[in-house]
Amino acid sequence: MDNTIHHFHDLFAQLGLPYDNVSIEQFIGSHSPLAPEVKLPEASFWTSAQATFLREACVQDADWAGLADQLNVALRKPTHP
């Protein structure tokens, strides 16, 4: 059994995105707010591979599910001008 603890920046690395704090904030800021009717894996800014990873993480309740939920919440918050 894998007991690895993943952190938020690890999710960005897994998605092939820059994962330093500034890059994460910029990504969330530039893609927020995600419309309520759009499911996280269906957002237009993901590549096919990223969308598949997020979909499988949520469906399979994988190690990444909690972090995908955290990203989902972060992307739903309105951005401040």
Protein backbone atom coordinates (compact mmCIF):
# COMPACT_ATOMS: atom_id res chain seq x y z
CA MET A 1 0.00 0.00 0.00
CA ASP A 2 1.31 3.42 -0.99
CA ASN A 3 1.19 5.84 1.93
CA THR A 4 2.67 8.77 0.04
CA ILE A 5 1.29 12.11 1.10
CA HIS A 6 0.83 14.46 -1.82
CA HIS A 7 0.78 18.23 -1.52
CA PHE A 8 -1.00 20.83 -3.65
CA HIS A 9 2.14 21.67 -5.63
CA ASP A 10 2.58 17.94 -6.34
CA LEU A 11 -0.74 17.97 -8.20
CA PHE A 12 0.52 20.74 -10.47
CA ALA A 13 3.73 18.80 -11.08
CA GLN A 14 1.68 15.67 -11.88
CA LEU A 15 -0.34 17.72 -14.36
CA GLY A 16 2.88 18.90 -16.02
CA LEU A 17 2.39 22.49 -14.90
CA PRO A 18 4.84 24.82 -13.16
CA TYR A 19 4.46 24.12 -9.46
CA ASP A 20 6.14 26.95 -7.61
CA ASN A 21 3.83 29.11 -5.47
CA VAL A 22 3.82 32.07 -7.86
CA SER A 23 2.99 29.89 -10.88
CA ILE A 24 0.19 28.14 -8.99
CA GLU A 25 -1.32 31.48 -7.96
CA GLN A 26 -1.05 32.78 -11.53
CA PHE A 27 -2.69 29.64 -12.93
CA ILE A 28 -5.59 29.83 -10.51
CA GLY A 29 -5.94 33.58 -11.02
CA SER A 30 -5.99 33.30 -14.80
CA HIS A 31 -8.55 30.47 -14.88
CA SER A 32 -10.91 31.64 -12.14
CA PRO A 33 -13.76 31.69 -11.60
CA LEU A 34 -14.69 28.42 -13.23
CA ALA A 35 -18.38 28.41 -14.10
CA PRO A 36 -20.47 26.35 -11.67
CA GLU A 37 -21.86 24.12 -14.43
CA VAL A 38 -18.38 23.13 -15.68
CA LYS A 39 -16.91 20.05 -14.04
CA LEU A 40 -13.22 20.40 -13.23
CA PRO A 41 -11.97 17.85 -15.80
CA GLU A 42 -14.18 19.43 -18.48
CA ALA A 43 -12.63 22.90 -18.24
CA SER A 44 -11.36 24.09 -21.62
CA PHE A 45 -7.85 24.89 -20.41
CA TRP A 46 -6.81 21.27 -19.73
CA THR A 47 -5.04 19.09 -22.24
CA SER A 48 -6.63 15.74 -22.96
CA ALA A 49 -4.11 13.99 -20.70
CA GLN A 50 -4.68 16.45 -17.84
CA ALA A 51 -8.45 16.09 -18.11
CA THR A 52 -8.17 12.30 -18.11
CA PHE A 53 -5.94 12.36 -15.04
CA LEU A 54 -8.35 14.63 -13.13
CA ARG A 55 -11.37 12.59 -14.19
CA GLU A 56 -9.77 9.32 -13.08
CA ALA A 57 -8.52 10.84 -9.83
CA CYS A 58 -12.05 11.86 -8.89
CA VAL A 59 -13.86 8.75 -10.13
CA GLN A 60 -11.44 6.29 -8.58
CA ASP A 61 -11.12 8.29 -5.35
CA ALA A 62 -7.39 8.05 -5.89
CA ASP A 63 -4.67 9.60 -3.76
CA TRP A 64 -5.08 12.71 -5.87
CA ALA A 65 -8.85 13.12 -5.31
CA GLY A 66 -8.54 15.40 -2.30
CA LEU A 67 -6.08 17.65 -4.09
CA ALA A 68 -8.28 17.71 -7.19
CA ASP A 69 -11.13 18.81 -4.92
CA GLN A 70 -8.90 21.51 -3.45
CA LEU A 71 -8.06 22.73 -6.96
CA ASN A 72 -11.74 22.67 -7.90
CA VAL A 73 -12.60 24.88 -4.92
CA ALA A 74 -9.73 27.27 -5.66
CA LEU A 75 -10.86 27.66 -9.28
CA ARG A 76 -14.44 28.45 -8.25
CA LYS A 77 -13.50 31.48 -6.15
CA PRO A 78 -13.98 34.83 -7.87
CA THR A 79 -10.80 36.67 -8.76
CA HIS A 80 -10.15 40.06 -7.29
CA PRO A 81 -9.23 42.89 -9.67
